[in-house]
Amino acid sequence: FKLSHSSDPPALASYSTGITVNMTLDPDTAHSELILYEDWRKVTCGYPQDHHSTSSRRFSAFPCVLGCEGFTSGRRYFEVDVGEGTGWDLGVCMENVQRGTGMKQEPQSGFWNLGLCQKKGYVALTSPLTSLHMCEQPLVVGVFLDSEAGVVSFYNMSTGYHIFTFPKASFSDTIRPYFQVYQYSPLFLPPPGD
Protein backbone atom coordinates (compact mmCIF):
# COMPACT_ATOMS: atom_id res chain seq x y z
CA PHE A 1 0.00 0.00 0.00
CA LYS A 2 1.61 3.25 -1.15
CA LEU A 3 0.86 6.85 -0.36
CA SER A 4 1.77 10.06 -2.08
CA HIS A 5 1.08 13.67 -1.20
CA SER A 6 -2.41 14.19 0.06
CA SER A 7 -4.61 17.23 0.33
CA ASP A 8 -6.92 15.53 2.83
CA PRO A 9 -5.31 16.81 6.06
CA PRO A 10 -5.96 20.46 6.91
CA ALA A 11 -3.20 22.88 6.00
CA LEU A 12 -0.27 22.67 8.40
CA ALA A 13 -0.57 26.36 9.25
CA SER A 14 -3.93 25.66 10.90
CA TYR A 15 -2.32 22.84 12.93
CA SER A 16 0.85 24.51 14.16
CA THR A 17 -0.42 27.91 15.27
CA GLY A 18 0.00 28.21 19.05
CA ILE A 19 0.92 24.54 19.61
CA THR A 20 4.57 24.49 18.56
CA VAL A 21 6.76 22.87 21.22
CA ASN A 22 10.18 24.24 22.18
CA MET A 23 11.73 20.77 21.91
CA THR A 24 14.93 19.58 23.62
CA LEU A 25 16.45 16.11 23.99
CA ASP A 26 16.41 14.04 27.19
CA PRO A 27 19.99 12.94 27.99
CA ASP A 28 18.73 10.37 30.52
CA THR A 29 17.15 8.34 27.67
CA ALA A 30 20.05 8.60 25.17
CA HIS A 31 21.79 5.45 23.96
CA SER A 32 25.45 5.30 25.01
CA GLU A 33 26.70 5.91 21.44
CA LEU A 34 24.82 9.18 21.05
CA ILE A 35 26.48 12.55 21.56
CA LEU A 36 24.11 15.31 22.69
CA TYR A 37 25.32 18.87 22.35
CA GLU A 38 25.18 21.33 25.27
CA ASP A 39 21.91 22.97 24.30
CA TRP A 40 20.21 19.51 24.04
CA ARG A 41 19.02 20.39 20.51
CA LYS A 42 21.53 18.45 18.40
CA VAL A 43 22.40 14.76 18.49
CA THR A 44 24.86 12.71 16.50
CA CYS A 45 26.01 9.11 16.54
CA GLY A 46 29.59 8.57 17.73
CA TYR A 47 31.66 6.37 19.96
CA PRO A 48 30.35 4.95 23.25
CA GLN A 49 30.21 7.62 25.92
CA ASP A 50 31.55 6.63 29.35
CA HIS A 51 29.72 9.37 31.22
CA HIS A 52 26.26 7.82 30.67
CA SER A 53 24.73 6.27 33.78
CA THR A 54 22.91 2.96 33.63
CA SER A 55 19.19 3.53 33.69
CA SER A 56 16.04 1.65 32.69
CA ARG A 57 15.02 4.88 30.91
CA ARG A 58 18.02 4.68 28.54
CA PHE A 59 17.79 2.98 25.12
CA SER A 60 20.23 0.07 25.01
CA ALA A 61 19.65 -1.77 21.71
CA PHE A 62 19.48 1.07 19.15
CA PRO A 63 20.92 4.63 19.02
CA CYS A 64 17.75 6.41 20.15
CA VAL A 65 16.80 9.32 22.38
CA LEU A 66 13.52 10.87 23.49
CA GLY A 67 12.46 14.49 23.69
CA CYS A 68 12.26 15.96 27.21
CA GLU A 69 8.62 16.92 26.82
CA GLY A 70 5.84 14.41 27.41
CA PHE A 71 2.23 14.87 26.28
CA THR A 72 -0.95 13.41 27.74
CA SER A 73 -3.48 15.66 26.03
CA GLY A 74 -3.89 18.40 23.48
CA ARG A 75 -2.33 19.16 20.13
CA ARG A 76 1.43 19.53 19.66
CA TYR A 77 3.76 20.29 16.77
CA PHE A 78 7.56 20.19 16.47
CA GLU A 79 10.15 20.23 13.69
CA VAL A 80 13.28 18.16 13.15
CA ASP A 81 16.10 19.31 10.89
CA VAL A 82 17.28 16.08 9.23
CA GLY A 83 19.54 17.92 6.77
CA GLU A 84 20.93 15.73 4.03
CA GLY A 85 21.37 12.72 6.32
CA THR A 86 21.25 9.23 4.85
CA GLY A 87 19.29 7.56 7.63
CA TRP A 88 17.01 8.49 10.53
CA ASP A 89 13.77 7.56 12.30
CA LEU A 90 11.62 10.14 14.05
CA GLY A 91 8.15 10.66 15.42
CA VAL A 92 6.56 9.84 18.75
CA CYS A 93 6.31 6.89 21.09
CA MET A 94 4.64 6.01 24.36
CA GLU A 95 6.68 6.61 27.52
CA ASN A 96 6.60 2.92 28.49
CA VAL A 97 8.00 1.43 25.23
CA GLN A 98 10.56 -1.37 25.25
CA ARG A 99 14.06 0.16 25.08
CA GLY A 100 16.16 -3.00 24.89
CA THR A 101 16.61 -5.88 22.48
CA GLY A 102 12.88 -6.61 22.07
CA MET A 103 12.15 -3.12 20.72
CA LYS A 104 9.95 -3.00 17.60
CA GLN A 105 9.21 0.34 15.95
CA GLU A 106 5.57 -0.12 15.02
CA PRO A 107 2.26 1.27 16.27
CA GLN A 108 1.34 -2.03 17.98
CA SER A 109 4.44 -1.55 20.19
CA GLY A 110 3.78 2.14 20.91
CA PHE A 111 5.82 3.82 18.11
CA TRP A 112 4.49 6.13 15.38
CA ASN A 113 7.55 6.96 13.28
CA LEU A 114 8.77 7.89 9.84
CA GLY A 115 12.19 6.80 8.62
CA LEU A 116 14.79 7.11 5.92
CA CYS A 117 16.58 3.82 5.24
CA GLN A 118 19.49 3.42 2.82
CA LYS A 119 17.94 0.35 1.14
CA LYS A 120 14.20 1.12 1.34
CA GLY A 121 14.15 4.92 1.12
CA TYR A 122 11.42 6.80 2.98
CA VAL A 123 9.04 4.61 4.97
CA ALA A 124 6.32 4.87 7.58
CA LEU A 125 7.23 2.37 10.29
CA THR A 126 3.96 0.47 10.14
CA SER A 127 3.65 -3.32 10.13
CA PRO A 128 4.42 -4.10 7.33
CA LEU A 129 6.41 -1.00 6.30
CA THR A 130 4.63 1.59 4.14
CA SER A 131 6.78 2.92 1.28
CA LEU A 132 6.59 6.69 0.83
CA HIS A 133 7.29 8.41 -2.46
CA MET A 134 8.39 12.03 -2.31
CA CYS A 135 9.21 14.39 -5.11
CA GLU A 136 11.67 16.31 -2.93
CA GLN A 137 13.93 15.24 -0.09
CA PRO A 138 12.71 16.75 3.19
CA LEU A 139 15.43 18.74 4.98
CA VAL A 140 13.07 19.58 7.85
CA VAL A 141 10.25 17.26 8.96
CA GLY A 142 7.24 18.59 10.87
CA VAL A 143 5.50 16.26 13.33
CA PHE A 144 1.91 16.92 14.41
CA LEU A 145 0.26 15.09 17.32
CA ASP A 146 -3.38 15.35 18.39
CA SER A 147 -3.66 13.24 21.55
CA GLU A 148 -7.45 13.26 21.80
CA ALA A 149 -8.08 12.48 18.11
CA GLY A 150 -5.30 9.83 18.00
CA VAL A 151 -3.58 11.54 15.06
CA VAL A 152 0.15 11.53 14.22
CA SER A 153 1.01 13.30 10.94
CA PHE A 154 4.26 14.20 9.20
CA TYR A 155 5.04 17.08 6.84
CA ASN A 156 7.91 17.93 4.52
CA MET A 157 8.66 21.47 5.67
CA SER A 158 10.92 22.05 2.66
CA THR A 159 7.81 21.95 0.46
CA GLY A 160 4.90 22.16 2.94
CA TYR A 161 3.53 18.84 1.64
CA HIS A 162 1.82 16.29 3.85
CA ILE A 163 3.91 13.09 3.96
CA PHE A 164 1.91 10.59 6.00
CA THR A 165 -0.76 10.24 8.69
CA PHE A 166 -0.96 7.07 10.76
CA PRO A 167 -4.36 5.38 11.17
CA LYS A 168 -6.21 6.62 14.25
CA ALA A 169 -4.42 5.54 17.42
CA SER A 170 -5.43 5.20 21.06
CA PHE A 171 -2.74 6.53 23.38
CA SER A 172 -2.77 4.81 26.78
CA ASP A 173 0.34 6.49 28.17
CA THR A 174 2.32 9.74 27.99
CA ILE A 175 3.57 10.39 24.44
CA ARG A 176 7.20 11.47 23.93
CA PRO A 177 9.03 12.68 20.81
CA TYR A 178 11.34 9.93 19.51
CA PHE A 179 14.55 10.06 17.46
CA GLN A 180 16.83 7.31 16.13
CA VAL A 181 20.15 8.59 14.87
CA TYR A 182 22.33 6.89 12.25
CA GLN A 183 26.03 7.37 11.49
CA TYR A 184 26.77 10.62 9.59
CA SER A 185 23.16 11.78 9.97
CA PRO A 186 22.90 14.22 12.90
CA LEU A 187 19.50 15.57 13.87
CA PHE A 188 18.81 19.13 15.05
CA LEU A 189 15.72 20.51 16.82
CA PRO A 190 15.36 24.15 15.74
CA PRO A 191 13.86 26.54 18.30
CA PRO A 192 10.33 27.65 17.32
CA GLY A 193 10.39 30.54 14.88
CA ASP A 194 13.81 29.71 13.40
C-alpha atoms as a PDB file:
ATOM      1  CA  PHE A   1       0.000   0.000   0.000  1.00  0.00           C
ATOM      2  CA  LYS A   2       1.605   3.246  -1.148  1.00  0.00           C
ATOM      3  CA  LEU A   3       0.856   6.846  -0.360  1.00  0.00           C
ATOM      4  CA  SER A   4       1.772  10.058  -2.079  1.00  0.00           C
ATOM      5  CA  HIS A   5       1.084  13.666  -1.202  1.00  0.00           C
ATOM      6  CA  SER A   6      -2.415  14.190   0.064  1.00  0.00           C
ATOM      7  CA  SER A   7      -4.606  17.231   0.327  1.00  0.00           C
ATOM      8  CA  ASP A   8      -6.922  15.530   2.827  1.00  0.00           C
ATOM      9  CA  PRO A   9      -5.311  16.811   6.064  1.00  0.00           C
ATOM     10  CA  PRO A  10      -5.958  20.461   6.908  1.00  0.00           C
ATOM     11  CA  ALA A  11      -3.195  22.883   6.000  1.00  0.00           C
ATOM     12  CA  LEU A  12      -0.274  22.668   8.397  1.00  0.00           C
ATOM     13  CA  ALA A  13      -0.568  26.356   9.246  1.00  0.00           C
ATOM     14  CA  SER A  14      -3.926  25.661  10.896  1.00  0.00           C
ATOM     15  CA  TYR A  15      -2.321  22.843  12.930  1.00  0.00           C
ATOM     16  CA  SER A  16       0.850  24.510  14.158  1.00  0.00           C
ATOM     17  CA  THR A  17      -0.419  27.914  15.271  1.00  0.00           C
ATOM     18  CA  GLY A  18      -0.004  28.212  19.053  1.00  0.00           C
ATOM     19  CA  ILE A  19       0.917  24.539  19.609  1.00  0.00           C
ATOM     20  CA  THR A  20       4.572  24.490  18.556  1.00  0.00           C
ATOM     21  CA  VAL A  21       6.755  22.868  21.220  1.00  0.00           C
ATOM     22  CA  ASN A  22      10.178  24.237  22.185  1.00  0.00           C
ATOM     23  CA  MET A  23      11.727  20.766  21.910  1.00  0.00           C
ATOM     24  CA  THR A  24      14.926  19.580  23.620  1.00  0.00           C
ATOM     25  CA  LEU A  25      16.451  16.114  23.992  1.00  0.00           C
ATOM     26  CA  ASP A  26      16.407  14.036  27.189  1.00  0.00           C
ATOM     27  CA  PRO A  27      19.986  12.945  27.987  1.00  0.00           C
ATOM     28  CA  ASP A  28      18.729  10.365  30.516  1.00  0.00           C
ATOM     29  CA  THR A  29      17.155   8.339  27.668  1.00  0.00           C
ATOM     30  CA  ALA A  30      20.051   8.602  25.172  1.00  0.00           C
ATOM     31  CA  HIS A  31      21.789   5.450  23.964  1.00  0.00           C
ATOM     32  CA  SER A  32      25.451   5.302  25.011  1.00  0.00           C
ATOM     33  CA  GLU A  33      26.699   5.905  21.436  1.00  0.00           C
ATOM     34  CA  LEU A  34      24.821   9.183  21.049  1.00  0.00           C
ATOM     35  CA  ILE A  35      26.480  12.547  21.560  1.00  0.00           C
ATOM     36  CA  LEU A  36      24.108  15.314  22.695  1.00  0.00           C
ATOM     37  CA  TYR A  37      25.321  18.866  22.353  1.00  0.00           C
ATOM     38  CA  GLU A  38      25.185  21.327  25.272  1.00  0.00           C
ATOM     39  CA  ASP A  39      21.913  22.974  24.301  1.00  0.00           C
ATOM     40  CA  TRP A  40      20.214  19.514  24.037  1.00  0.00           C
ATOM     41  CA  ARG A  41      19.017  20.393  20.511  1.00  0.00           C
ATOM     42  CA  LYS A  42      21.528  18.455  18.402  1.00  0.00           C
ATOM     43  CA  VAL A  43      22.402  14.764  18.494  1.00  0.00           C
ATOM     44  CA  THR A  44      24.859  12.712  16.495  1.00  0.00           C
ATOM     45  CA  CYS A  45      26.012   9.105  16.541  1.00  0.00           C
ATOM     46  CA  GLY A  46      29.589   8.567  17.729  1.00  0.00           C
ATOM     47  CA  TYR A  47      31.663   6.368  19.960  1.00  0.00           C
ATOM     48  CA  PRO A  48      30.346   4.955  23.248  1.00  0.00           C
ATOM     49  CA  GLN A  49      30.212   7.623  25.916  1.00  0.00           C
ATOM     50  CA  ASP A  50      31.550   6.631  29.347  1.00  0.00           C
ATOM     51  CA  HIS A  51      29.722   9.371  31.218  1.00  0.00           C
ATOM     52  CA  HIS A  52      26.264   7.818  30.668  1.00  0.00           C
ATOM     53  CA  SER A  53      24.731   6.274  33.776  1.00  0.00           C
ATOM     54  CA  THR A  54      22.915   2.963  33.628  1.00  0.00           C
ATOM     55  CA  SER A  55      19.188   3.535  33.686  1.00  0.00           C
ATOM     56  CA  SER A  56      16.042   1.655  32.686  1.00  0.00           C
ATOM     57  CA  ARG A  57      15.019   4.880  30.908  1.00  0.00           C
ATOM     58  CA  ARG A  58      18.017   4.679  28.542  1.00  0.00           C
ATOM     59  CA  PHE A  59      17.792   2.975  25.125  1.00  0.00           C
ATOM     60  CA  SER A  60      20.230   0.070  25.005  1.00  0.00           C
ATOM     61  CA  ALA A  61      19.649  -1.766  21.712  1.00  0.00           C
ATOM     62  CA  PHE A  62      19.480   1.072  19.153  1.00  0.00           C
ATOM     63  CA  PRO A  63      20.922   4.634  19.017  1.00  0.00           C
ATOM     64  CA  CYS A  64      17.755   6.407  20.150  1.00  0.00           C
ATOM     65  CA  VAL A  65      16.804   9.324  22.383  1.00  0.00           C
ATOM     66  CA  LEU A  66      13.515  10.871  23.491  1.00  0.00           C
ATOM     67  CA  GLY A  67      12.465  14.490  23.687  1.00  0.00           C
ATOM     68  CA  CYS A  68      12.260  15.964  27.210  1.00  0.00           C
ATOM     69  CA  GLU A  69       8.624  16.916  26.816  1.00  0.00           C
ATOM     70  CA  GLY A  70       5.840  14.411  27.407  1.00  0.00           C
ATOM     71  CA  PHE A  71       2.226  14.874  26.277  1.00  0.00           C
ATOM     72  CA  THR A  72      -0.952  13.412  27.740  1.00  0.00           C
ATOM     73  CA  SER A  73      -3.484  15.662  26.029  1.00  0.00           C
ATOM     74  CA  GLY A  74      -3.888  18.402  23.479  1.00  0.00           C
ATOM     75  CA  ARG A  75      -2.326  19.155  20.130  1.00  0.00           C
ATOM     76  CA  ARG A  76       1.434  19.526  19.663  1.00  0.00           C
ATOM     77  CA  TYR A  77       3.762  20.290  16.773  1.00  0.00           C
ATOM     78  CA  PHE A  78       7.560  20.192  16.465  1.00  0.00           C
ATOM     79  CA  GLU A  79      10.145  20.226  13.687  1.00  0.00           C
ATOM     80  CA  VAL A  80      13.280  18.161  13.151  1.00  0.00           C
ATOM     81  CA  ASP A  81      16.096  19.308  10.886  1.00  0.00           C
ATOM     82  CA  VAL A  82      17.281  16.080   9.231  1.00  0.00           C
ATOM     83  CA  GLY A  83      19.536  17.919   6.775  1.00  0.00           C
ATOM     84  CA  GLU A  84      20.925  15.726   4.027  1.00  0.00           C
ATOM     85  CA  GLY A  85      21.368  12.721   6.324  1.00  0.00           C
ATOM     86  CA  THR A  86      21.255   9.232   4.853  1.00  0.00           C
ATOM     87  CA  GLY A  87      19.285   7.559   7.626  1.00  0.00           C
ATOM     88  CA  TRP A  88      17.012   8.495  10.532  1.00  0.00           C
ATOM     89  CA  ASP A  89      13.771   7.564  12.297  1.00  0.00           C
ATOM     90  CA  LEU A  90      11.624  10.142  14.054  1.00  0.00           C
ATOM     91  CA  GLY A  91       8.152  10.663  15.420  1.00  0.00           C
ATOM     92  CA  VAL A  92       6.565   9.837  18.753  1.00  0.00           C
ATOM     93  CA  CYS A  93       6.312   6.885  21.094  1.00  0.00           C
ATOM     94  CA  MET A  94       4.640   6.009  24.364  1.00  0.00           C
ATOM     95  CA  GLU A  95       6.675   6.612  27.515  1.00  0.00           C
ATOM     96  CA  ASN A  96       6.599   2.921  28.491  1.00  0.00           C
ATOM     97  CA  VAL A  97       8.004   1.433  25.233  1.00  0.00           C
ATOM     98  CA  GLN A  98      10.556  -1.367  25.248  1.00  0.00           C
ATOM     99  CA  ARG A  99      14.057   0.163  25.077  1.00  0.00           C
ATOM    100  CA  GLY A 100      16.156  -2.999  24.893  1.00  0.00           C
ATOM    101  CA  THR A 101      16.612  -5.881  22.477  1.00  0.00           C
ATOM    102  CA  GLY A 102      12.877  -6.609  22.066  1.00  0.00           C
ATOM    103  CA  MET A 103      12.153  -3.119  20.719  1.00  0.00           C
ATOM    104  CA  LYS A 104       9.945  -2.999  17.603  1.00  0.00           C
ATOM    105  CA  GLN A 105       9.206   0.337  15.954  1.00  0.00           C
ATOM    106  CA  GLU A 106       5.565  -0.122  15.023  1.00  0.00           C
ATOM    107  CA  PRO A 107       2.258   1.274  16.274  1.00  0.00           C
ATOM    108  CA  GLN A 108       1.344  -2.034  17.978  1.00  0.00           C
ATOM    109  CA  SER A 109       4.443  -1.553  20.191  1.00  0.00           C
ATOM    110  CA  GLY A 110       3.784   2.141  20.906  1.00  0.00           C
ATOM    111  CA  PHE A 111       5.818   3.816  18.110  1.00  0.00           C
ATOM    112  CA  TRP A 112       4.487   6.133  15.377  1.00  0.00           C
ATOM    113  CA  ASN A 113       7.545   6.962  13.276  1.00  0.00           C
ATOM    114  CA  LEU A 114       8.766   7.891   9.841  1.00  0.00           C
ATOM    115  CA  GLY A 115      12.192   6.798   8.620  1.00  0.00           C
ATOM    116  CA  LEU A 116      14.790   7.106   5.921  1.00  0.00           C
ATOM    117  CA  CYS A 117      16.583   3.818   5.236  1.00  0.00           C
ATOM    118  CA  GLN A 118      19.485   3.416   2.817  1.00  0.00           C
ATOM    119  CA  LYS A 119      17.943   0.350   1.138  1.00  0.00           C
ATOM    120  CA  LYS A 120      14.203   1.117   1.343  1.00  0.00           C
ATOM    121  CA  GLY A 121      14.147   4.919   1.116  1.00  0.00           C
ATOM    122  CA  TYR A 122      11.415   6.798   2.983  1.00  0.00           C
ATOM    123  CA  VAL A 123       9.042   4.608   4.972  1.00  0.00           C
ATOM    124  CA  ALA A 124       6.324   4.870   7.582  1.00  0.00           C
ATOM    125  CA  LEU A 125       7.228   2.367  10.286  1.00  0.00           C
ATOM    126  CA  THR A 126       3.957   0.474  10.137  1.00  0.00           C
ATOM    127  CA  SER A 127       3.651  -3.318  10.126  1.00  0.00           C
ATOM    128  CA  PRO A 128       4.417  -4.098   7.328  1.00  0.00           C
ATOM    129  CA  LEU A 129       6.405  -0.995   6.304  1.00  0.00           C
ATOM    130  CA  THR A 130       4.633   1.587   4.141  1.00  0.00           C
ATOM    131  CA  SER A 131       6.778   2.924   1.281  1.00  0.00           C
ATOM    132  CA  LEU A 132       6.589   6.692   0.826  1.00  0.00           C
ATOM    133  CA  HIS A 133       7.288   8.409  -2.463  1.00  0.00           C
ATOM    134  CA  MET A 134       8.389  12.026  -2.306  1.00  0.00           C
ATOM    135  CA  CYS A 135       9.215  14.391  -5.114  1.00  0.00           C
ATOM    136  CA  GLU A 136      11.674  16.310  -2.931  1.00  0.00           C
ATOM    137  CA  GLN A 137      13.926  15.237  -0.091  1.00  0.00           C
ATOM    138  CA  PRO A 138      12.712  16.747   3.188  1.00  0.00           C
ATOM    139  CA  LEU A 139      15.427  18.740   4.979  1.00  0.00           C
ATOM    140  CA  VAL A 140      13.072  19.575   7.853  1.00  0.00           C
ATOM    141  CA  VAL A 141      10.254  17.260   8.960  1.00  0.00           C
ATOM    142  CA  GLY A 142       7.236  18.588  10.872  1.00  0.00           C
ATOM    143  CA  VAL A 143       5.501  16.258  13.331  1.00  0.00           C
ATOM    144  CA  PHE A 144       1.913  16.916  14.414  1.00  0.00           C
ATOM    145  CA  LEU A 145       0.256  15.088  17.320  1.00  0.00           C
ATOM    146  CA  ASP A 146      -3.383  15.348  18.392  1.00  0.00           C
ATOM    147  CA  SER A 147      -3.657  13.241  21.552  1.00  0.00           C
ATOM    148  CA  GLU A 148      -7.450  13.264  21.802  1.00  0.00           C
ATOM    149  CA  ALA A 149      -8.075  12.483  18.110  1.00  0.00           C
ATOM    150  CA  GLY A 150      -5.305   9.834  18.001  1.00  0.00           C
ATOM    151  CA  VAL A 151      -3.578  11.544  15.060  1.00  0.00           C
ATOM    152  CA  VAL A 152       0.147  11.526  14.221  1.00  0.00           C
ATOM    153  CA  SER A 153       1.007  13.301  10.938  1.00  0.00           C
ATOM    154  CA  PHE A 154       4.264  14.202   9.202  1.00  0.00           C
ATOM    155  CA  TYR A 155       5.035  17.082   6.835  1.00  0.00           C
ATOM    156  CA  ASN A 156       7.914  17.931   4.518  1.00  0.00           C
ATOM    157  CA  MET A 157       8.658  21.468   5.672  1.00  0.00           C
ATOM    158  CA  SER A 158      10.919  22.053   2.663  1.00  0.00           C
ATOM    159  CA  THR A 159       7.807  21.955   0.464  1.00  0.00           C
ATOM    160  CA  GLY A 160       4.896  22.162   2.940  1.00  0.00           C
ATOM    161  CA  TYR A 161       3.528  18.836   1.644  1.00  0.00           C
ATOM    162  CA  HIS A 162       1.816  16.287   3.851  1.00  0.00           C
ATOM    163  CA  ILE A 163       3.914  13.090   3.958  1.00  0.00           C
ATOM    164  CA  PHE A 164       1.913  10.586   5.996  1.00  0.00           C
ATOM    165  CA  THR A 165      -0.757  10.238   8.692  1.00  0.00           C
ATOM    166  CA  PHE A 166      -0.964   7.070  10.761  1.00  0.00           C
ATOM    167  CA  PRO A 167      -4.359   5.384  11.169  1.00  0.00           C
ATOM    168  CA  LYS A 168      -6.208   6.617  14.247  1.00  0.00           C
ATOM    169  CA  ALA A 169      -4.420   5.543  17.423  1.00  0.00           C
ATOM    170  CA  SER A 170      -5.430   5.201  21.056  1.00  0.00           C
ATOM    171  CA  PHE A 171      -2.735   6.531  23.382  1.00  0.00           C
ATOM    172  CA  SER A 172      -2.771   4.806  26.778  1.00  0.00           C
ATOM    173  CA  ASP A 173       0.343   6.494  28.172  1.00  0.00           C
ATOM    174  CA  THR A 174       2.324   9.735  27.990  1.00  0.00           C
ATOM    175  CA  ILE A 175       3.570  10.390  24.442  1.00  0.00           C
ATOM    176  CA  ARG A 176       7.197  11.469  23.927  1.00  0.00           C
ATOM    177  CA  PRO A 177       9.027  12.684  20.814  1.00  0.00           C
ATOM    178  CA  TYR A 178      11.337   9.927  19.509  1.00  0.00           C
ATOM    179  CA  PHE A 179      14.546  10.060  17.458  1.00  0.00           C
ATOM    180  CA  GLN A 180      16.825   7.306  16.130  1.00  0.00           C
ATOM    181  CA  VAL A 181      20.151   8.586  14.869  1.00  0.00           C
ATOM    182  CA  TYR A 182      22.332   6.890  12.253  1.00  0.00           C
ATOM    183  CA  GLN A 183      26.026   7.365  11.494  1.00  0.00           C
ATOM    184  CA  TYR A 184      26.775  10.616   9.593  1.00  0.00           C
ATOM    185  CA  SER A 185      23.160  11.781   9.972  1.00  0.00           C
ATOM    186  CA  PRO A 186      22.900  14.215  12.899  1.00  0.00           C
ATOM    187  CA  LEU A 187      19.499  15.573  13.873  1.00  0.00           C
ATOM    188  CA  PHE A 188      18.814  19.134  15.050  1.00  0.00           C
ATOM    189  CA  LEU A 189      15.720  20.509  16.825  1.00  0.00           C
ATOM    190  CA  PRO A 190      15.360  24.148  15.740  1.00  0.00           C
ATOM    191  CA  PRO A 191      13.856  26.538  18.297  1.00  0.00           C
ATOM    192  CA  PRO A 192      10.325  27.650  17.317  1.00  0.00           C
ATOM    193  CA  GLY A 193      10.388  30.538  14.878  1.00  0.00           C
ATOM    194  CA  ASP A 194      13.806  29.706  13.400  1.00  0.00           C
END
